[in-house]
Protein backbone atom coordinates (compact mmCIF):
# COMPACT_ATOMS: atom_id res chain seq x y z
CA MET A 1 0.01 -0.03 -0.05
CA VAL A 2 1.33 3.44 -0.96
CA TRP A 3 0.98 6.47 1.37
CA ASN A 4 2.34 10.03 1.71
CA TYR A 5 1.82 13.19 3.69
CA ARG A 6 -0.85 15.40 2.29
CA LEU A 7 -2.80 18.52 3.33
CA VAL A 8 -6.37 17.42 4.06
CA LYS A 9 -9.36 19.72 4.76
CA LYS A 10 -11.99 17.98 6.82
CA ALA A 11 -15.58 18.95 6.02
CA GLU A 12 -16.72 18.51 9.54
CA ASP A 13 -14.70 21.47 10.87
CA GLY A 14 -13.07 23.02 7.93
CA CYS A 15 -9.53 22.61 9.37
CA ILE A 16 -6.64 21.86 7.16
CA GLY A 17 -3.82 19.61 8.49
CA VAL A 18 -1.05 17.31 7.55
CA HIS A 19 -2.22 13.65 7.42
CA GLU A 20 -0.87 10.30 6.25
CA VAL A 21 -2.95 9.46 3.24
CA TYR A 22 -3.13 5.94 1.85
CA TYR A 23 -4.00 5.05 -1.74
CA ASP A 24 -5.96 2.13 -3.42
CA GLU A 25 -4.61 0.19 -6.46
CA ASN A 26 -5.82 2.95 -8.78
CA ASP A 27 -3.87 5.64 -6.87
CA LYS A 28 -7.02 7.22 -5.45
CA PRO A 29 -7.02 8.32 -1.77
CA SER A 30 -8.64 5.60 0.16
CA TYR A 31 -8.18 6.55 3.78
CA MET A 32 -6.10 8.70 6.08
CA THR A 33 -4.94 9.08 9.67
CA GLN A 34 -7.76 10.49 11.82
CA ASP A 35 -5.54 12.88 13.67
CA VAL A 36 -3.23 15.44 12.11
CA TYR A 37 0.46 14.46 12.10
CA THR A 38 2.35 15.85 15.02
CA LEU A 39 6.15 16.09 15.04
CA HIS A 40 7.56 14.35 18.11
CA SER A 41 10.61 12.58 19.39
CA ASP A 42 11.23 10.38 22.35
CA GLU A 43 14.49 12.24 22.80
CA ASP A 44 15.91 15.73 22.40
CA ASP A 45 16.75 14.79 18.87
CA TYR A 46 16.79 17.84 16.61
CA GLU A 47 18.07 15.83 13.62
CA SER A 48 15.25 13.32 13.85
CA LEU A 49 12.63 15.98 13.95
CA LYS A 50 14.34 17.88 11.10
CA GLU A 51 14.28 14.71 8.96
CA ASP A 52 10.59 14.22 9.62
CA LEU A 53 9.81 17.73 8.76
CA GLU A 54 11.97 17.60 5.59
CA LEU A 55 10.09 14.43 4.45
CA ILE A 56 6.73 16.13 4.96
CA LEU A 57 7.77 19.14 3.03
CA LYS A 58 9.16 16.85 0.21
CA HIS A 59 5.78 15.08 0.02
CA LEU A 60 3.78 18.35 0.03
CA ALA A 61 6.04 19.77 -2.64
CA TYR A 62 5.32 16.83 -4.94
CA ASP A 63 1.61 17.45 -4.70
CA HIS A 64 0.60 20.60 -2.87
CA SER A 65 -3.13 20.37 -3.61
CA ILE A 66 -5.37 20.14 -0.59
CA LEU A 67 -7.59 16.99 -0.49
CA GLU A 68 -11.06 17.35 0.89
CA TYR A 69 -12.33 14.68 3.36
CA PRO A 70 -14.65 12.76 2.73
CA LYS A 71 -15.23 14.10 -0.89
CA ASP A 72 -11.92 13.08 -2.40
CA PHE A 73 -11.62 9.67 -0.72
CA VAL A 74 -12.78 6.46 -2.27
CA GLY A 75 -13.53 4.76 0.99
CA ASN A 76 -14.68 7.89 2.80
CA LYS A 77 -12.94 6.61 6.06
CA TYR A 78 -10.27 7.27 8.50
């Protein structure tokens, strides 16, 4: 299963956040994480947090459109 970080706007509250979005075999958004992605580390590890943030920015740069939930999702589920 393929996934990436995407900006998603939830219809229920209109908030936009970064979510992990998973795709079906036709590359259509199928489901996503319910909660927005939060940067965190178990240690005071700047490099680890920086790498996570860089990966998120890389994914968002690839496709910076904002998905709308549930409209743009095939399964309409978290």
